[in-house]
Structures are given as C-alpha cells and as structure tokens.
Amino acid sequence: MELNTLYFFTGTIHKWIPLLDKNGFKEIILSSLSYLFEQKCMKIYGFVIMPNHIHLIIENIKMNGKELPHASFLKYTSHSFLKRLKNESPELLSKFRVELINKTYQFWQRDSLAIELYTPEVVYQKLDYVHNNPCQKKWMLAEDPVKYPYSSFNFYELNTDDFGFLTHIGERL
C-alpha cells in the first residue's frame, strides 16, 4: 500500500475464528483506528467490524514512525488481542498459537487484502458492500444496516458520528 492512495482493505482473523464477536475486541479495533486518525496518519472513510474480519475504506496519510499506518493497526491490535486473551481466555488464545520463527501467536491472516480504489463508482460500490455486509443472509447481524452499531453506515445515512474518526468520502472524491 502507498501513502495518499484510497484503498478497500480487508483484514481477516487467523483461521476465520470469530474473535471480534467477543466483548472488548471490537473496541480494540475502534481504539486503534481512532489513534491513527488523531495522529493524522490515516483517514477512515468507511468501515464495518464483522465477527471474524473487518472491511475498511482508508487512506494512509503519513508514516506512523517507520511503519505504514495499516501495518501499525495490525500490529497494535494483535498485541492488544494477545494481552486481553492472556488475561481473560487462555483457552481461546491457544487457537491462535503458531509455529513460526518470528512469532508465537497470529491473530490476522497474512497478506490482508488491499484493493486500490480508482473511480468514484467503485468507491461507492465498496461503501455499499461494507455497510450491507452485516445484513447479508450469511451473517444476519442486523435486519437493517442502521441497527448495526459497528459500521460507518449511520455516519452516511443519519449524519451521526459515534466514532469521531470518520471522514466523509465526498471530501476525498
């Protein structure tokens, strides 16, 4: 991923384990996004947090130290997941154990999907996909996107910003 480029980003929890269904883990995601926004490292135009993956429409604005912001996001959330699971659920933590030289636990699947968004039509298509994902038959997390609290839908449809880190895509296009 490059700076100042708009992306549709998907991060998937290792082995598709529904970690983000557990209390507190969505808040770790939101906290990390908020931090990167406050540091002016990343703009977040849209998002949804699903039980075992996230979709973001983001733009990396500047490096977070020596890392691209999305890499910092993955690293920070992984460390936070590890700390929380060590304290609260060692049995669940064991499901994330890996035999790798550089790590003992893996929370995000390698090679997250990042698709550059070239046209406004594709941007709005992805934004609709993100917002409607919780209502898909496979998930049925809500009857209506307005009722799913872990997405940017209400920011766009109701003009309410419950997160404080969202930027309207109209400002970018």
N, C-alpha and C. Protein backbone atom coordinates (compact mmCIF):
# COMPACT_ATOMS: atom_id res chain seq x y z
N MET A 1 0.84 -1.18 0.00
CA MET A 1 0.00 0.00 0.00
C MET A 1 0.89 1.24 0.00
N GLU A 2 0.38 2.29 -0.61
CA GLU A 2 1.14 3.54 -0.71
C GLU A 2 0.42 4.65 0.05
N LEU A 3 1.16 5.69 0.38
CA LEU A 3 0.58 6.87 1.02
C LEU A 3 -0.31 7.61 0.03
N ASN A 4 -1.30 8.31 0.58
CA ASN A 4 -2.19 9.19 -0.19
C ASN A 4 -2.91 8.47 -1.34
N THR A 5 -3.26 7.23 -1.11
CA THR A 5 -3.99 6.42 -2.07
C THR A 5 -5.17 5.78 -1.35
N LEU A 6 -6.31 5.77 -1.98
CA LEU A 6 -7.53 5.24 -1.39
C LEU A 6 -7.59 3.72 -1.60
N TYR A 7 -7.90 2.99 -0.51
CA TYR A 7 -7.95 1.53 -0.57
C TYR A 7 -9.19 0.97 0.10
N PHE A 8 -9.64 -0.14 -0.44
CA PHE A 8 -10.58 -1.03 0.23
C PHE A 8 -9.72 -2.10 0.87
N PHE A 9 -9.75 -2.18 2.20
CA PHE A 9 -8.85 -3.03 2.95
C PHE A 9 -9.68 -4.05 3.74
N THR A 10 -9.30 -5.31 3.63
CA THR A 10 -9.94 -6.36 4.40
C THR A 10 -8.89 -7.06 5.25
N GLY A 11 -9.15 -7.09 6.54
CA GLY A 11 -8.31 -7.84 7.47
C GLY A 11 -9.14 -8.99 8.02
N THR A 12 -8.60 -10.20 7.95
CA THR A 12 -9.32 -11.40 8.38
C THR A 12 -8.60 -12.03 9.56
N ILE A 13 -9.38 -12.39 10.57
CA ILE A 13 -8.81 -13.06 11.74
C ILE A 13 -8.31 -14.45 11.33
N HIS A 14 -7.15 -14.80 11.86
CA HIS A 14 -6.50 -16.07 11.58
C HIS A 14 -7.48 -17.24 11.75
N LYS A 15 -7.51 -18.12 10.76
CA LYS A 15 -8.38 -19.30 10.73
C LYS A 15 -9.86 -18.95 10.78
N TRP A 16 -10.19 -17.72 10.47
CA TRP A 16 -11.58 -17.24 10.47
C TRP A 16 -12.27 -17.42 11.82
N ILE A 17 -11.50 -17.42 12.88
CA ILE A 17 -12.05 -17.55 14.23
C ILE A 17 -12.84 -16.28 14.56
N PRO A 18 -14.05 -16.40 15.08
CA PRO A 18 -14.89 -15.22 15.35
C PRO A 18 -14.46 -14.44 16.61
N LEU A 19 -13.22 -14.04 16.66
CA LEU A 19 -12.66 -13.31 17.80
C LEU A 19 -13.39 -11.99 18.04
N LEU A 20 -13.77 -11.32 16.97
CA LEU A 20 -14.36 -9.99 17.10
C LEU A 20 -15.81 -10.03 17.59
N ASP A 21 -16.31 -11.23 17.81
CA ASP A 21 -17.63 -11.41 18.42
C ASP A 21 -17.57 -11.23 19.93
N LYS A 22 -16.39 -11.39 20.48
CA LYS A 22 -16.21 -11.36 21.93
C LYS A 22 -16.18 -9.91 22.44
N ASN A 23 -16.65 -9.73 23.66
CA ASN A 23 -16.67 -8.39 24.26
C ASN A 23 -15.28 -7.78 24.32
N GLY A 24 -15.20 -6.53 23.95
CA GLY A 24 -13.97 -5.78 24.06
C GLY A 24 -13.08 -5.78 22.84
N PHE A 25 -13.22 -6.75 21.96
CA PHE A 25 -12.32 -6.84 20.82
C PHE A 25 -12.67 -5.83 19.72
N LYS A 26 -13.94 -5.56 19.53
CA LYS A 26 -14.32 -4.50 18.58
C LYS A 26 -13.80 -3.16 19.06
N GLU A 27 -13.81 -2.95 20.37
CA GLU A 27 -13.33 -1.70 20.94
C GLU A 27 -11.83 -1.51 20.70
N ILE A 28 -11.08 -2.60 20.68
CA ILE A 28 -9.65 -2.52 20.36
C ILE A 28 -9.48 -2.01 18.93
N ILE A 29 -10.29 -2.52 18.02
CA ILE A 29 -10.25 -2.07 16.62
C ILE A 29 -10.56 -0.58 16.56
N LEU A 30 -11.66 -0.18 17.19
CA LEU A 30 -12.08 1.23 17.15
C LEU A 30 -11.03 2.14 17.79
N SER A 31 -10.44 1.70 18.88
CA SER A 31 -9.42 2.50 19.56
C SER A 31 -8.19 2.71 18.66
N SER A 32 -7.78 1.68 17.97
CA SER A 32 -6.63 1.79 17.08
C SER A 32 -6.92 2.72 15.91
N LEU A 33 -8.10 2.60 15.32
CA LEU A 33 -8.48 3.49 14.22
C LEU A 33 -8.51 4.94 14.70
N SER A 34 -9.07 5.14 15.88
CA SER A 34 -9.16 6.49 16.46
C SER A 34 -7.76 7.08 16.67
N TYR A 35 -6.86 6.29 17.20
CA TYR A 35 -5.49 6.76 17.44
C TYR A 35 -4.81 7.16 16.13
N LEU A 36 -4.90 6.32 15.12
CA LEU A 36 -4.24 6.62 13.84
C LEU A 36 -4.85 7.85 13.19
N PHE A 37 -6.15 8.06 13.37
CA PHE A 37 -6.80 9.27 12.87
C PHE A 37 -6.30 10.50 13.64
N GLU A 38 -6.27 10.40 14.96
CA GLU A 38 -5.83 11.53 15.79
C GLU A 38 -4.38 11.92 15.50
N GLN A 39 -3.55 10.95 15.16
CA GLN A 39 -2.15 11.21 14.83
C GLN A 39 -1.98 11.71 13.40
N LYS A 40 -3.10 11.84 12.69
CA LYS A 40 -3.11 12.28 11.29
C LYS A 40 -2.30 11.36 10.38
N CYS A 41 -2.31 10.07 10.73
CA CYS A 41 -1.63 9.06 9.94
C CYS A 41 -2.56 8.41 8.92
N MET A 42 -3.85 8.37 9.25
CA MET A 42 -4.81 7.64 8.42
C MET A 42 -6.14 8.38 8.39
N LYS A 43 -6.79 8.32 7.23
CA LYS A 43 -8.18 8.76 7.13
C LYS A 43 -9.03 7.52 6.93
N ILE A 44 -10.13 7.47 7.67
CA ILE A 44 -11.05 6.35 7.59
C ILE A 44 -12.35 6.88 7.00
N TYR A 45 -12.71 6.37 5.82
CA TYR A 45 -13.89 6.83 5.11
C TYR A 45 -15.08 5.90 5.31
N GLY A 46 -14.82 4.67 5.65
CA GLY A 46 -15.88 3.71 5.87
C GLY A 46 -15.32 2.47 6.53
N PHE A 47 -16.17 1.77 7.29
CA PHE A 47 -15.70 0.54 7.93
C PHE A 47 -16.88 -0.30 8.37
N VAL A 48 -16.60 -1.57 8.60
CA VAL A 48 -17.51 -2.47 9.29
C VAL A 48 -16.64 -3.50 10.02
N ILE A 49 -17.07 -3.82 11.23
CA ILE A 49 -16.40 -4.86 12.01
C ILE A 49 -17.35 -6.06 12.06
N MET A 50 -16.91 -7.14 11.49
CA MET A 50 -17.68 -8.38 11.44
C MET A 50 -17.11 -9.35 12.48
N PRO A 51 -17.73 -10.50 12.71
CA PRO A 51 -17.23 -11.42 13.74
C PRO A 51 -15.79 -11.90 13.53
N ASN A 52 -15.39 -12.07 12.26
CA ASN A 52 -14.05 -12.62 12.02
C ASN A 52 -13.26 -11.85 10.95
N HIS A 53 -13.73 -10.67 10.60
CA HIS A 53 -12.99 -9.85 9.65
C HIS A 53 -13.46 -8.40 9.73
N ILE A 54 -12.69 -7.53 9.12
CA ILE A 54 -13.06 -6.12 9.04
C ILE A 54 -12.89 -5.66 7.59
N HIS A 55 -13.70 -4.72 7.20
CA HIS A 55 -13.53 -4.03 5.93
C HIS A 55 -13.36 -2.55 6.24
N LEU A 56 -12.38 -1.94 5.59
CA LEU A 56 -12.13 -0.52 5.77
C LEU A 56 -11.99 0.14 4.41
N ILE A 57 -12.42 1.38 4.32
CA ILE A 57 -12.06 2.23 3.19
C ILE A 57 -11.19 3.30 3.80
N ILE A 58 -9.89 3.23 3.48
CA ILE A 58 -8.90 4.06 4.18
C ILE A 58 -7.92 4.70 3.21
N GLU A 59 -7.20 5.65 3.77
CA GLU A 59 -6.09 6.29 3.07
C GLU A 59 -4.98 6.49 4.11
N ASN A 60 -3.83 5.92 3.85
CA ASN A 60 -2.66 6.16 4.69
C ASN A 60 -2.11 7.53 4.33
N ILE A 61 -2.05 8.43 5.30
CA ILE A 61 -1.66 9.82 5.06
C ILE A 61 -0.16 10.04 5.29
N LYS A 62 0.35 9.51 6.39
CA LYS A 62 1.78 9.63 6.68
C LYS A 62 2.22 8.42 7.47
N MET A 63 3.50 8.18 7.49
CA MET A 63 4.05 7.05 8.21
C MET A 63 3.78 7.20 9.71
N ASN A 64 3.57 6.08 10.37
CA ASN A 64 3.46 6.06 11.83
C ASN A 64 4.81 5.55 12.33
N GLY A 65 5.73 6.47 12.56
CA GLY A 65 7.10 6.09 12.84
C GLY A 65 7.72 5.54 11.57
N LYS A 66 8.16 4.28 11.61
CA LYS A 66 8.77 3.65 10.44
C LYS A 66 7.78 2.76 9.68
N GLU A 67 6.52 2.74 10.11
CA GLU A 67 5.53 1.84 9.52
C GLU A 67 4.43 2.60 8.80
N LEU A 68 3.87 1.96 7.79
CA LEU A 68 2.63 2.47 7.22
C LEU A 68 1.53 2.28 8.26
N PRO A 69 0.57 3.19 8.33
CA PRO A 69 -0.45 3.11 9.37
C PRO A 69 -1.23 1.80 9.42
N HIS A 70 -1.56 1.23 8.28
CA HIS A 70 -2.31 -0.03 8.31
C HIS A 70 -1.49 -1.14 8.97
N ALA A 71 -0.17 -1.11 8.78
CA ALA A 71 0.70 -2.09 9.42
C ALA A 71 0.73 -1.87 10.93
N SER A 72 0.77 -0.61 11.35
CA SER A 72 0.71 -0.28 12.78
C SER A 72 -0.61 -0.76 13.38
N PHE A 73 -1.69 -0.59 12.63
CA PHE A 73 -3.00 -1.04 13.07
C PHE A 73 -3.00 -2.54 13.34
N LEU A 74 -2.50 -3.31 12.39
CA LEU A 74 -2.47 -4.77 12.54
C LEU A 74 -1.57 -5.18 13.72
N LYS A 75 -0.44 -4.52 13.86
CA LYS A 75 0.50 -4.84 14.94
C LYS A 75 -0.10 -4.49 16.32
N TYR A 76 -0.64 -3.28 16.44
CA TYR A 76 -1.21 -2.84 17.72
C TYR A 76 -2.38 -3.72 18.13
N THR A 77 -3.29 -3.98 17.20
CA THR A 77 -4.45 -4.80 17.55
C THR A 77 -4.02 -6.21 17.94
N SER A 78 -3.02 -6.76 17.25
CA SER A 78 -2.52 -8.09 17.61
C SER A 78 -1.97 -8.11 19.03
N HIS A 79 -1.16 -7.12 19.38
CA HIS A 79 -0.61 -7.04 20.74
C HIS A 79 -1.72 -6.90 21.78
N SER A 80 -2.73 -6.10 21.45
CA SER A 80 -3.85 -5.90 22.38
C SER A 80 -4.69 -7.16 22.52
N PHE A 81 -4.92 -7.87 21.41
CA PHE A 81 -5.65 -9.14 21.47
C PHE A 81 -4.90 -10.13 22.37
N LEU A 82 -3.58 -10.21 22.17
CA LEU A 82 -2.76 -11.13 22.95
C LEU A 82 -2.86 -10.82 24.44
N LYS A 83 -2.69 -9.57 24.79
CA LYS A 83 -2.75 -9.16 26.20
C LYS A 83 -4.11 -9.50 26.81
N ARG A 84 -5.16 -9.19 26.10
CA ARG A 84 -6.51 -9.44 26.61
C ARG A 84 -6.77 -10.94 26.77
N LEU A 85 -6.39 -11.74 25.76
CA LEU A 85 -6.64 -13.18 25.83
C LEU A 85 -5.79 -13.85 26.90
N LYS A 86 -4.57 -13.39 27.11
CA LYS A 86 -3.74 -13.95 28.18
C LYS A 86 -4.43 -13.80 29.53
N ASN A 87 -5.06 -12.65 29.73
CA ASN A 87 -5.73 -12.36 31.00
C ASN A 87 -7.10 -12.99 31.12
N GLU A 88 -7.83 -13.08 30.01
CA GLU A 88 -9.25 -13.45 30.09
C GLU A 88 -9.60 -14.82 29.53
N SER A 89 -8.82 -15.31 28.57
CA SER A 89 -9.25 -16.55 27.90
C SER A 89 -8.07 -17.31 27.31
N PRO A 90 -7.25 -17.91 28.18
CA PRO A 90 -6.11 -18.68 27.68
C PRO A 90 -6.50 -19.81 26.72
N GLU A 91 -7.68 -20.40 26.93
CA GLU A 91 -8.11 -21.49 26.04
C GLU A 91 -8.38 -20.98 24.63
N LEU A 92 -8.95 -19.79 24.50
CA LEU A 92 -9.15 -19.21 23.18
C LEU A 92 -7.81 -18.79 22.58
N LEU A 93 -6.93 -18.25 23.41
CA LEU A 93 -5.59 -17.84 22.95
C LEU A 93 -4.86 -19.00 22.29
N SER A 94 -5.03 -20.20 22.82
CA SER A 94 -4.32 -21.36 22.26
C SER A 94 -4.69 -21.63 20.81
N LYS A 95 -5.88 -21.19 20.37
CA LYS A 95 -6.29 -21.38 18.98
C LYS A 95 -5.48 -20.52 18.01
N PHE A 96 -4.81 -19.51 18.53
CA PHE A 96 -4.02 -18.60 17.70
C PHE A 96 -2.52 -18.93 17.73
N ARG A 97 -2.17 -20.00 18.41
CA ARG A 97 -0.76 -20.40 18.52
C ARG A 97 -0.27 -20.88 17.16
N VAL A 98 0.92 -20.42 16.78
CA VAL A 98 1.53 -20.82 15.51
C VAL A 98 2.98 -21.21 15.75
N GLU A 99 3.51 -21.98 14.84
CA GLU A 99 4.91 -22.41 14.92
C GLU A 99 5.71 -21.64 13.88
N LEU A 100 5.95 -20.37 14.14
CA LEU A 100 6.72 -19.54 13.23
C LEU A 100 7.96 -19.02 13.94
N ILE A 101 8.99 -18.75 13.17
CA ILE A 101 10.25 -18.28 13.74
C ILE A 101 10.09 -16.94 14.46
N ASN A 102 9.30 -16.04 13.87
CA ASN A 102 9.22 -14.68 14.40
C ASN A 102 8.02 -14.42 15.30
N LYS A 103 7.15 -15.41 15.52
CA LYS A 103 6.01 -15.18 16.40
C LYS A 103 5.45 -16.48 16.95
N THR A 104 4.79 -16.35 18.09
CA THR A 104 4.17 -17.49 18.75
C THR A 104 2.67 -17.52 18.51
N TYR A 105 2.09 -16.31 18.33
CA TYR A 105 0.65 -16.21 18.08
C TYR A 105 0.41 -15.36 16.84
N GLN A 106 -0.63 -15.70 16.11
CA GLN A 106 -1.01 -14.94 14.93
C GLN A 106 -2.51 -14.68 14.98
N PHE A 107 -2.86 -13.39 14.92
CA PHE A 107 -4.27 -13.01 15.01
C PHE A 107 -4.87 -12.60 13.68
N TRP A 108 -4.09 -12.03 12.80
CA TRP A 108 -4.56 -11.64 11.47
C TRP A 108 -3.96 -12.59 10.45
N GLN A 109 -4.75 -13.00 9.49
CA GLN A 109 -4.20 -13.79 8.40
C GLN A 109 -3.17 -12.95 7.66
N ARG A 110 -2.19 -13.61 7.15
CA ARG A 110 -1.15 -12.90 6.39
C ARG A 110 -1.73 -12.36 5.10
N ASP A 111 -1.09 -11.34 4.58
CA ASP A 111 -1.46 -10.76 3.30
C ASP A 111 -2.92 -10.28 3.27
N SER A 112 -3.21 -9.33 4.13
CA SER A 112 -4.53 -8.71 4.10
C SER A 112 -4.80 -8.18 2.70
N LEU A 113 -6.07 -8.16 2.34
CA LEU A 113 -6.46 -7.71 1.01
C LEU A 113 -6.54 -6.18 0.96
N ALA A 114 -5.82 -5.58 0.04
CA ALA A 114 -5.88 -4.13 -0.17
C ALA A 114 -6.08 -3.89 -1.66
N ILE A 115 -7.23 -3.29 -1.99
CA ILE A 115 -7.56 -3.01 -3.38
C ILE A 115 -7.60 -1.50 -3.55
N GLU A 116 -6.79 -0.99 -4.45
CA GLU A 116 -6.81 0.45 -4.72
C GLU A 116 -8.13 0.82 -5.38
N LEU A 117 -8.70 1.92 -4.93
CA LEU A 117 -9.99 2.39 -5.45
C LEU A 117 -9.73 3.54 -6.42
N TYR A 118 -10.02 3.30 -7.69
CA TYR A 118 -9.67 4.25 -8.76
C TYR A 118 -10.78 5.22 -9.11
N THR A 119 -12.04 4.78 -9.05
CA THR A 119 -13.13 5.62 -9.53
C THR A 119 -14.17 5.83 -8.44
N PRO A 120 -14.90 6.94 -8.49
CA PRO A 120 -15.98 7.15 -7.51
C PRO A 120 -17.02 6.03 -7.52
N GLU A 121 -17.32 5.47 -8.70
CA GLU A 121 -18.30 4.39 -8.77
C GLU A 121 -17.85 3.18 -7.94
N VAL A 122 -16.59 2.84 -8.05
CA VAL A 122 -16.08 1.70 -7.30
C VAL A 122 -16.04 2.02 -5.81
N VAL A 123 -15.69 3.24 -5.47
CA VAL A 123 -15.68 3.65 -4.07
C VAL A 123 -17.07 3.48 -3.46
N TYR A 124 -18.09 3.98 -4.13
CA TYR A 124 -19.45 3.88 -3.59
C TYR A 124 -19.96 2.45 -3.59
N GLN A 125 -19.53 1.66 -4.57
CA GLN A 125 -19.88 0.24 -4.59
C GLN A 125 -19.31 -0.46 -3.35
N LYS A 126 -18.05 -0.19 -3.04
CA LYS A 126 -17.41 -0.80 -1.87
C LYS A 126 -18.04 -0.30 -0.58
N LEU A 127 -18.37 0.98 -0.53
CA LEU A 127 -19.00 1.54 0.66
C LEU A 127 -20.36 0.86 0.91
N ASP A 128 -21.14 0.65 -0.14
CA ASP A 128 -22.41 -0.06 -0.02
C ASP A 128 -22.18 -1.50 0.46
N TYR A 129 -21.18 -2.14 -0.09
CA TYR A 129 -20.86 -3.51 0.31
C TYR A 129 -20.52 -3.56 1.81
N VAL A 130 -19.67 -2.65 2.25
CA VAL A 130 -19.27 -2.57 3.65
C VAL A 130 -20.49 -2.40 4.54
N HIS A 131 -21.34 -1.46 4.19
CA HIS A 131 -22.49 -1.14 5.03
C HIS A 131 -23.57 -2.23 5.05
N ASN A 132 -23.68 -2.96 3.97
CA ASN A 132 -24.71 -4.01 3.91
C ASN A 132 -24.21 -5.38 4.37
N ASN A 133 -22.93 -5.51 4.61
CA ASN A 133 -22.35 -6.80 4.99
C ASN A 133 -23.03 -7.42 6.23
N PRO A 134 -23.30 -6.66 7.29
CA PRO A 134 -23.92 -7.27 8.48
C PRO A 134 -25.33 -7.81 8.22
N CYS A 135 -25.97 -7.37 7.15
CA CYS A 135 -27.35 -7.78 6.86
C CYS A 135 -27.42 -8.93 5.85
N GLN A 136 -26.26 -9.39 5.39
CA GLN A 136 -26.24 -10.49 4.44
C GLN A 136 -26.77 -11.77 5.11
N LYS A 137 -27.41 -12.59 4.32
CA LYS A 137 -28.02 -13.83 4.83
C LYS A 137 -27.01 -14.67 5.62
N LYS A 138 -25.77 -14.70 5.16
CA LYS A 138 -24.73 -15.48 5.82
C LYS A 138 -24.49 -15.02 7.26
N TRP A 139 -24.65 -13.71 7.50
CA TRP A 139 -24.33 -13.14 8.81
C TRP A 139 -25.56 -12.82 9.65
N MET A 140 -26.50 -12.10 9.08
CA MET A 140 -27.70 -11.64 9.78
C MET A 140 -27.39 -11.08 11.17
N LEU A 141 -26.49 -10.13 11.21
CA LEU A 141 -26.14 -9.46 12.46
C LEU A 141 -27.12 -8.33 12.78
N ALA A 142 -27.87 -7.92 11.77
CA ALA A 142 -28.89 -6.88 11.93
C ALA A 142 -29.88 -6.99 10.78
N GLU A 143 -31.11 -6.58 11.04
CA GLU A 143 -32.13 -6.58 9.99
C GLU A 143 -31.90 -5.44 9.00
N ASP A 144 -31.33 -4.37 9.50
CA ASP A 144 -31.14 -3.15 8.73
C ASP A 144 -29.77 -2.59 9.10
N PRO A 145 -29.00 -2.07 8.14
CA PRO A 145 -27.67 -1.53 8.47
C PRO A 145 -27.71 -0.45 9.55
N VAL A 146 -28.79 0.28 9.67
CA VAL A 146 -28.89 1.34 10.67
C VAL A 146 -28.84 0.76 12.09
N LYS A 147 -29.20 -0.52 12.22
CA LYS A 147 -29.24 -1.16 13.54
C LYS A 147 -27.92 -1.85 13.91
N TYR A 148 -26.95 -1.85 13.02
CA TYR A 148 -25.67 -2.48 13.33
C TYR A 148 -24.70 -1.40 13.80
N PRO A 149 -24.27 -1.43 15.05
CA PRO A 149 -23.50 -0.31 15.61
C PRO A 149 -22.03 -0.24 15.21
N TYR A 150 -21.49 -1.29 14.62
CA TYR A 150 -20.05 -1.31 14.33
C TYR A 150 -19.75 -1.10 12.86
N SER A 151 -20.30 -0.02 12.34
CA SER A 151 -20.02 0.36 10.95
C SER A 151 -20.21 1.87 10.80
N SER A 152 -19.82 2.36 9.64
CA SER A 152 -19.94 3.78 9.34
C SER A 152 -21.27 4.12 8.69
N PHE A 153 -22.20 3.18 8.62
CA PHE A 153 -23.47 3.41 7.93
C PHE A 153 -24.21 4.64 8.46
N ASN A 154 -24.36 4.75 9.77
CA ASN A 154 -25.12 5.87 10.34
C ASN A 154 -24.43 7.22 10.10
N PHE A 155 -23.14 7.20 9.95
CA PHE A 155 -22.40 8.43 9.62
C PHE A 155 -22.88 8.98 8.28
N TYR A 156 -23.09 8.09 7.34
CA TYR A 156 -23.54 8.50 6.00
C TYR A 156 -25.05 8.69 5.91
N GLU A 157 -25.80 7.81 6.52
CA GLU A 157 -27.26 7.85 6.36
C GLU A 157 -27.96 8.79 7.33
N LEU A 158 -27.46 8.88 8.55
CA LEU A 158 -28.13 9.68 9.58
C LEU A 158 -27.32 10.91 9.98
N ASN A 159 -26.13 11.05 9.38
CA ASN A 159 -25.26 12.18 9.68
C ASN A 159 -24.86 12.22 11.16
N THR A 160 -24.68 11.04 11.76
CA THR A 160 -24.23 10.96 13.15
C THR A 160 -22.87 10.27 13.19
N ASP A 161 -21.96 10.87 13.92
CA ASP A 161 -20.61 10.32 14.03
C ASP A 161 -20.40 9.84 15.46
N ASP A 162 -20.63 8.56 15.69
CA ASP A 162 -20.47 7.98 17.01
C ASP A 162 -19.02 7.62 17.31
N PHE A 163 -18.13 7.78 16.34
CA PHE A 163 -16.75 7.30 16.50
C PHE A 163 -15.72 8.42 16.56
N GLY A 164 -15.97 9.52 15.90
CA GLY A 164 -15.04 10.65 15.95
C GLY A 164 -13.83 10.53 15.04
N PHE A 165 -13.76 9.49 14.24
CA PHE A 165 -12.59 9.34 13.36
C PHE A 165 -12.95 9.25 11.88
N LEU A 166 -14.22 9.37 11.56
CA LEU A 166 -14.63 9.21 10.17
C LEU A 166 -14.51 10.51 9.37
N THR A 167 -14.15 10.36 8.11
CA THR A 167 -14.11 11.47 7.14
C THR A 167 -15.06 11.08 6.01
N HIS A 168 -15.92 11.99 5.63
CA HIS A 168 -16.87 11.71 4.54
C HIS A 168 -16.13 11.52 3.23
N ILE A 169 -16.48 10.48 2.51
CA ILE A 169 -15.80 10.16 1.25
C ILE A 169 -15.97 11.30 0.24
N GLY A 170 -17.02 12.07 0.35
CA GLY A 170 -17.23 13.22 -0.55
C GLY A 170 -16.13 14.26 -0.46
N GLU A 171 -15.46 14.32 0.70
CA GLU A 171 -14.33 15.24 0.86
C GLU A 171 -13.09 14.78 0.08
N ARG A 172 -13.04 13.50 -0.24
CA ARG A 172 -11.86 12.93 -0.93
C ARG A 172 -12.07 12.86 -2.44
N LEU A 173 -13.32 12.66 -2.86
CA LEU A 173 -13.59 12.45 -4.30
C LEU A 173 -13.81 13.76 -5.03
